[in-house]
Amino acid sequence: MAKEGQRRILIAIDGSESAEYAFDWYIHNMKQPNDYVYGITVPEYSFAGITVGPMADPQALQDEFMSQHKVVEKLCADYTAKLRSAGVKGQVDEYSGNKPGETIVEQAEKLNADHVIMGTRGLTGMKKFFLGSVSNYVVQNCGVPVSVIPKKEQK
């Protein structure tokens, strides 16, 4: 947990290249010696291809959940190690919620974050219209500054 006087930075992490770029951007451009970073991931578990409902195989559902959960645990451990490697205090944890944007905003408030940093998936056009934008939701609803870091195009 952050101590009094530490700047609290929340970084949204989802395993994408854009989230990794935003994390690295923080390390190289914004990091200060007294920062405490809360890395958060809000996984959206998927059970595509597995029967759900009354005919569901409980063991298949549990196995699929555990398989996906192990990926999330590794993501948290890998990013916590990246923080340590960069000399930054903090940790990365999984948070549950119905929608990632809402959960990020709730956690920013609950953790008393001073700043939120996140990548953008770069949705455009109809995909953005139908799927919405987590970063747009956070920018519009968060009570602290939000930096949305676009992934640089490869040349």
C-alpha atoms as a PDB file:
ATOM      1  CA  MET A   1       0.000   0.000   0.000  1.00  0.00           C
ATOM      2  CA  ALA A   2       1.073   3.543  -0.689  1.00  0.00           C
ATOM      3  CA  LYS A   3       2.327   5.607   2.210  1.00  0.00           C
ATOM      4  CA  GLU A   4       1.434   9.192   3.023  1.00  0.00           C
ATOM      5  CA  GLY A   5       3.186  11.544   0.631  1.00  0.00           C
ATOM      6  CA  GLN A   6       3.676   8.988  -2.135  1.00  0.00           C
ATOM      7  CA  ARG A   7       2.226   9.711  -5.546  1.00  0.00           C
ATOM      8  CA  ARG A   8      -0.297   6.964  -6.362  1.00  0.00           C
ATOM      9  CA  ILE A   9      -0.337   5.901  -9.994  1.00  0.00           C
ATOM     10  CA  LEU A  10      -2.907   3.433 -11.313  1.00  0.00           C
ATOM     11  CA  ILE A  11      -1.926   1.644 -14.519  1.00  0.00           C
ATOM     12  CA  ALA A  12      -4.519  -0.447 -16.345  1.00  0.00           C
ATOM     13  CA  ILE A  13      -3.046  -3.677 -17.689  1.00  0.00           C
ATOM     14  CA  ASP A  14      -4.838  -6.142 -19.947  1.00  0.00           C
ATOM     15  CA  GLY A  15      -2.083  -8.134 -21.604  1.00  0.00           C
ATOM     16  CA  SER A  16      -2.253  -6.195 -24.865  1.00  0.00           C
ATOM     17  CA  GLU A  17       0.646  -4.521 -26.660  1.00  0.00           C
ATOM     18  CA  SER A  18      -0.951  -1.131 -26.063  1.00  0.00           C
ATOM     19  CA  ALA A  19      -1.142  -1.743 -22.296  1.00  0.00           C
ATOM     20  CA  GLU A  20       2.495  -2.830 -22.288  1.00  0.00           C
ATOM     21  CA  TYR A  21       3.434   0.295 -24.240  1.00  0.00           C
ATOM     22  CA  ALA A  22       1.551   2.488 -21.723  1.00  0.00           C
ATOM     23  CA  PHE A  23       3.313   0.743 -18.821  1.00  0.00           C
ATOM     24  CA  ASP A  24       6.707   1.256 -20.465  1.00  0.00           C
ATOM     25  CA  TRP A  25       5.789   4.869 -21.244  1.00  0.00           C
ATOM     26  CA  TYR A  26       5.177   5.474 -17.536  1.00  0.00           C
ATOM     27  CA  ILE A  27       8.546   3.892 -16.630  1.00  0.00           C
ATOM     28  CA  HIS A  28      10.488   5.984 -19.176  1.00  0.00           C
ATOM     29  CA  ASN A  29       8.589   9.288 -19.064  1.00  0.00           C
ATOM     30  CA  MET A  30       6.727   9.788 -15.814  1.00  0.00           C
ATOM     31  CA  LYS A  31       8.253   7.650 -13.067  1.00  0.00           C
ATOM     32  CA  GLN A  32       9.353   9.480  -9.945  1.00  0.00           C
ATOM     33  CA  PRO A  33      11.370   7.971  -7.080  1.00  0.00           C
ATOM     34  CA  ASN A  34       8.570   8.126  -4.525  1.00  0.00           C
ATOM     35  CA  ASP A  35       5.779   6.680  -6.712  1.00  0.00           C
ATOM     36  CA  TYR A  36       3.598   3.756  -5.732  1.00  0.00           C
ATOM     37  CA  VAL A  37       2.021   1.971  -8.696  1.00  0.00           C
ATOM     38  CA  TYR A  38      -1.218   0.072  -8.541  1.00  0.00           C
ATOM     39  CA  GLY A  39      -1.356  -2.071 -11.646  1.00  0.00           C
ATOM     40  CA  ILE A  40      -4.828  -3.444 -12.178  1.00  0.00           C
ATOM     41  CA  THR A  41      -6.224  -5.952 -14.599  1.00  0.00           C
ATOM     42  CA  VAL A  42      -9.930  -6.599 -15.034  1.00  0.00           C
ATOM     43  CA  PRO A  43     -10.164  -9.868 -16.967  1.00  0.00           C
ATOM     44  CA  GLU A  44     -13.198 -10.736 -19.019  1.00  0.00           C
ATOM     45  CA  TYR A  45     -13.350 -14.516 -18.796  1.00  0.00           C
ATOM     46  CA  SER A  46     -14.728 -16.260 -21.873  1.00  0.00           C
ATOM     47  CA  PHE A  47     -16.364 -19.649 -22.082  1.00  0.00           C
ATOM     48  CA  ALA A  48     -16.865 -19.775 -25.847  1.00  0.00           C
ATOM     49  CA  GLY A  49     -17.166 -23.326 -27.076  1.00  0.00           C
ATOM     50  CA  ILE A  50     -18.256 -24.645 -23.662  1.00  0.00           C
ATOM     51  CA  THR A  51     -21.884 -25.442 -22.991  1.00  0.00           C
ATOM     52  CA  VAL A  52     -23.349 -23.247 -20.264  1.00  0.00           C
ATOM     53  CA  GLY A  53     -26.682 -23.474 -18.499  1.00  0.00           C
ATOM     54  CA  PRO A  54     -28.464 -26.617 -17.249  1.00  0.00           C
ATOM     55  CA  MET A  55     -26.543 -28.888 -19.644  1.00  0.00           C
ATOM     56  CA  ALA A  56     -23.133 -27.488 -18.648  1.00  0.00           C
ATOM     57  CA  ASP A  57     -20.296 -29.733 -17.594  1.00  0.00           C
ATOM     58  CA  PRO A  58     -19.200 -28.192 -14.271  1.00  0.00           C
ATOM     59  CA  GLN A  59     -15.730 -29.684 -14.546  1.00  0.00           C
ATOM     60  CA  ALA A  60     -15.212 -28.269 -18.056  1.00  0.00           C
ATOM     61  CA  LEU A  61     -16.292 -24.817 -16.848  1.00  0.00           C
ATOM     62  CA  GLN A  62     -13.991 -25.014 -13.829  1.00  0.00           C
ATOM     63  CA  ASP A  63     -11.070 -26.232 -15.945  1.00  0.00           C
ATOM     64  CA  GLU A  64     -11.544 -23.413 -18.458  1.00  0.00           C
ATOM     65  CA  PHE A  65     -11.818 -20.809 -15.700  1.00  0.00           C
ATOM     66  CA  MET A  66      -8.672 -22.121 -13.989  1.00  0.00           C
ATOM     67  CA  SER A  67      -6.781 -22.136 -17.298  1.00  0.00           C
ATOM     68  CA  GLN A  68      -7.681 -18.495 -17.977  1.00  0.00           C
ATOM     69  CA  HIS A  69      -7.081 -17.526 -14.347  1.00  0.00           C
ATOM     70  CA  LYS A  70      -3.524 -18.897 -14.520  1.00  0.00           C
ATOM     71  CA  VAL A  71      -2.865 -16.570 -17.478  1.00  0.00           C
ATOM     72  CA  VAL A  72      -4.135 -13.622 -15.400  1.00  0.00           C
ATOM     73  CA  GLU A  73      -1.996 -14.637 -12.410  1.00  0.00           C
ATOM     74  CA  LYS A  74       1.089 -14.819 -14.663  1.00  0.00           C
ATOM     75  CA  LEU A  75       0.263 -11.385 -16.114  1.00  0.00           C
ATOM     76  CA  CYS A  76       0.089  -9.925 -12.579  1.00  0.00           C
ATOM     77  CA  ALA A  77       3.338 -11.628 -11.530  1.00  0.00           C
ATOM     78  CA  ASP A  78       5.170 -10.540 -14.704  1.00  0.00           C
ATOM     79  CA  TYR A  79       4.163  -6.886 -14.339  1.00  0.00           C
ATOM     80  CA  THR A  80       4.920  -6.865 -10.611  1.00  0.00           C
ATOM     81  CA  ALA A  81       8.397  -8.156 -11.532  1.00  0.00           C
ATOM     82  CA  LYS A  82       8.723  -5.388 -14.147  1.00  0.00           C
ATOM     83  CA  LEU A  83       7.935  -2.827 -11.434  1.00  0.00           C
ATOM     84  CA  ARG A  84      10.610  -4.297  -9.173  1.00  0.00           C
ATOM     85  CA  SER A  85      13.102  -4.379 -12.042  1.00  0.00           C
ATOM     86  CA  ALA A  86      12.462  -0.678 -12.701  1.00  0.00           C
ATOM     87  CA  GLY A  87      12.853   0.151  -8.997  1.00  0.00           C
ATOM     88  CA  VAL A  88       9.207   1.133  -8.577  1.00  0.00           C
ATOM     89  CA  LYS A  89       7.207   0.315  -5.467  1.00  0.00           C
ATOM     90  CA  GLY A  90       3.830  -1.253  -6.120  1.00  0.00           C
ATOM     91  CA  GLN A  91       2.035  -4.349  -7.250  1.00  0.00           C
ATOM     92  CA  VAL A  92      -0.290  -5.641  -9.942  1.00  0.00           C
ATOM     93  CA  ASP A  93      -3.554  -7.329  -8.970  1.00  0.00           C
ATOM     94  CA  GLU A  94      -6.668  -8.743 -10.573  1.00  0.00           C
ATOM     95  CA  TYR A  95      -9.947  -6.973  -9.917  1.00  0.00           C
ATOM     96  CA  SER A  96     -13.372  -8.272 -10.802  1.00  0.00           C
ATOM     97  CA  GLY A  97     -16.153  -6.200 -12.251  1.00  0.00           C
ATOM     98  CA  ASN A  98     -18.844  -6.240 -14.879  1.00  0.00           C
ATOM     99  CA  LYS A  99     -17.096  -3.692 -17.073  1.00  0.00           C
ATOM    100  CA  PRO A 100     -13.377  -2.849 -17.095  1.00  0.00           C
ATOM    101  CA  GLY A 101     -13.911   0.920 -17.435  1.00  0.00           C
ATOM    102  CA  GLU A 102     -16.224   1.099 -14.450  1.00  0.00           C
ATOM    103  CA  THR A 103     -13.876  -1.040 -12.364  1.00  0.00           C
ATOM    104  CA  ILE A 104     -10.874   1.135 -13.249  1.00  0.00           C
ATOM    105  CA  VAL A 105     -12.754   4.286 -12.210  1.00  0.00           C
ATOM    106  CA  GLU A 106     -13.973   2.643  -8.980  1.00  0.00           C
ATOM    107  CA  GLN A 107     -10.484   1.456  -8.074  1.00  0.00           C
ATOM    108  CA  ALA A 108      -8.920   4.835  -8.888  1.00  0.00           C
ATOM    109  CA  GLU A 109     -11.282   6.376  -6.338  1.00  0.00           C
ATOM    110  CA  LYS A 110     -10.924   3.595  -3.771  1.00  0.00           C
ATOM    111  CA  LEU A 111      -7.112   3.571  -3.985  1.00  0.00           C
ATOM    112  CA  ASN A 112      -6.986   7.379  -3.899  1.00  0.00           C
ATOM    113  CA  ALA A 113      -5.019   7.433  -7.162  1.00  0.00           C
ATOM    114  CA  ASP A 114      -3.415  10.669  -8.259  1.00  0.00           C
ATOM    115  CA  HIS A 115      -3.218   9.671 -11.925  1.00  0.00           C
ATOM    116  CA  VAL A 116      -4.458   6.881 -14.198  1.00  0.00           C
ATOM    117  CA  ILE A 117      -2.414   5.625 -17.145  1.00  0.00           C
ATOM    118  CA  MET A 118      -3.744   3.278 -19.782  1.00  0.00           C
ATOM    119  CA  GLY A 119      -3.245   2.226 -23.355  1.00  0.00           C
ATOM    120  CA  THR A 120      -5.819   2.261 -26.077  1.00  0.00           C
ATOM    121  CA  ARG A 121      -6.831  -0.647 -28.262  1.00  0.00           C
ATOM    122  CA  GLY A 122      -7.215   1.723 -31.162  1.00  0.00           C
ATOM    123  CA  LEU A 123     -10.776   0.813 -32.038  1.00  0.00           C
ATOM    124  CA  THR A 124     -12.199   2.882 -34.866  1.00  0.00           C
ATOM    125  CA  GLY A 125     -15.467   3.346 -36.663  1.00  0.00           C
ATOM    126  CA  MET A 126     -18.222   0.828 -36.076  1.00  0.00           C
ATOM    127  CA  LYS A 127     -16.191  -1.352 -33.687  1.00  0.00           C
ATOM    128  CA  LYS A 128     -15.753   1.621 -31.376  1.00  0.00           C
ATOM    129  CA  PHE A 129     -19.445   2.492 -31.703  1.00  0.00           C
ATOM    130  CA  PHE A 130     -20.650  -1.005 -30.825  1.00  0.00           C
ATOM    131  CA  LEU A 131     -17.945  -2.081 -28.388  1.00  0.00           C
ATOM    132  CA  GLY A 132     -17.443   1.278 -26.734  1.00  0.00           C
ATOM    133  CA  SER A 133     -14.116   2.392 -25.448  1.00  0.00           C
ATOM    134  CA  VAL A 134     -12.742   1.605 -22.022  1.00  0.00           C
ATOM    135  CA  SER A 135     -10.343   4.526 -22.230  1.00  0.00           C
ATOM    136  CA  ASN A 136     -13.141   6.898 -23.279  1.00  0.00           C
ATOM    137  CA  TYR A 137     -15.256   5.764 -20.329  1.00  0.00           C
ATOM    138  CA  VAL A 138     -12.365   6.276 -17.895  1.00  0.00           C
ATOM    139  CA  VAL A 139     -11.514   9.734 -19.283  1.00  0.00           C
ATOM    140  CA  GLN A 140     -15.167  10.823 -19.015  1.00  0.00           C
ATOM    141  CA  ASN A 141     -15.836   9.403 -15.535  1.00  0.00           C
ATOM    142  CA  CYS A 142     -12.617   9.429 -13.548  1.00  0.00           C
ATOM    143  CA  GLY A 143     -12.064  12.133 -10.950  1.00  0.00           C
ATOM    144  CA  VAL A 144      -8.291  12.327 -11.495  1.00  0.00           C
ATOM    145  CA  PRO A 145      -6.109  13.026 -14.544  1.00  0.00           C
ATOM    146  CA  VAL A 146      -6.015  10.191 -17.066  1.00  0.00           C
ATOM    147  CA  SER A 147      -3.261   9.666 -19.622  1.00  0.00           C
ATOM    148  CA  VAL A 148      -4.271   7.504 -22.575  1.00  0.00           C
ATOM    149  CA  ILE A 149      -1.104   6.421 -24.323  1.00  0.00           C
ATOM    150  CA  PRO A 150      -1.536   5.444 -27.975  1.00  0.00           C
ATOM    151  CA  LYS A 151       0.774   2.709 -29.217  1.00  0.00           C
ATOM    152  CA  LYS A 152       3.271   4.098 -31.693  1.00  0.00           C
ATOM    153  CA  GLU A 153       2.956   2.785 -35.202  1.00  0.00           C
ATOM    154  CA  GLN A 154       5.799   0.562 -36.405  1.00  0.00           C
ATOM    155  CA  LYS A 155       7.641   2.135 -39.338  1.00  0.00           C
END
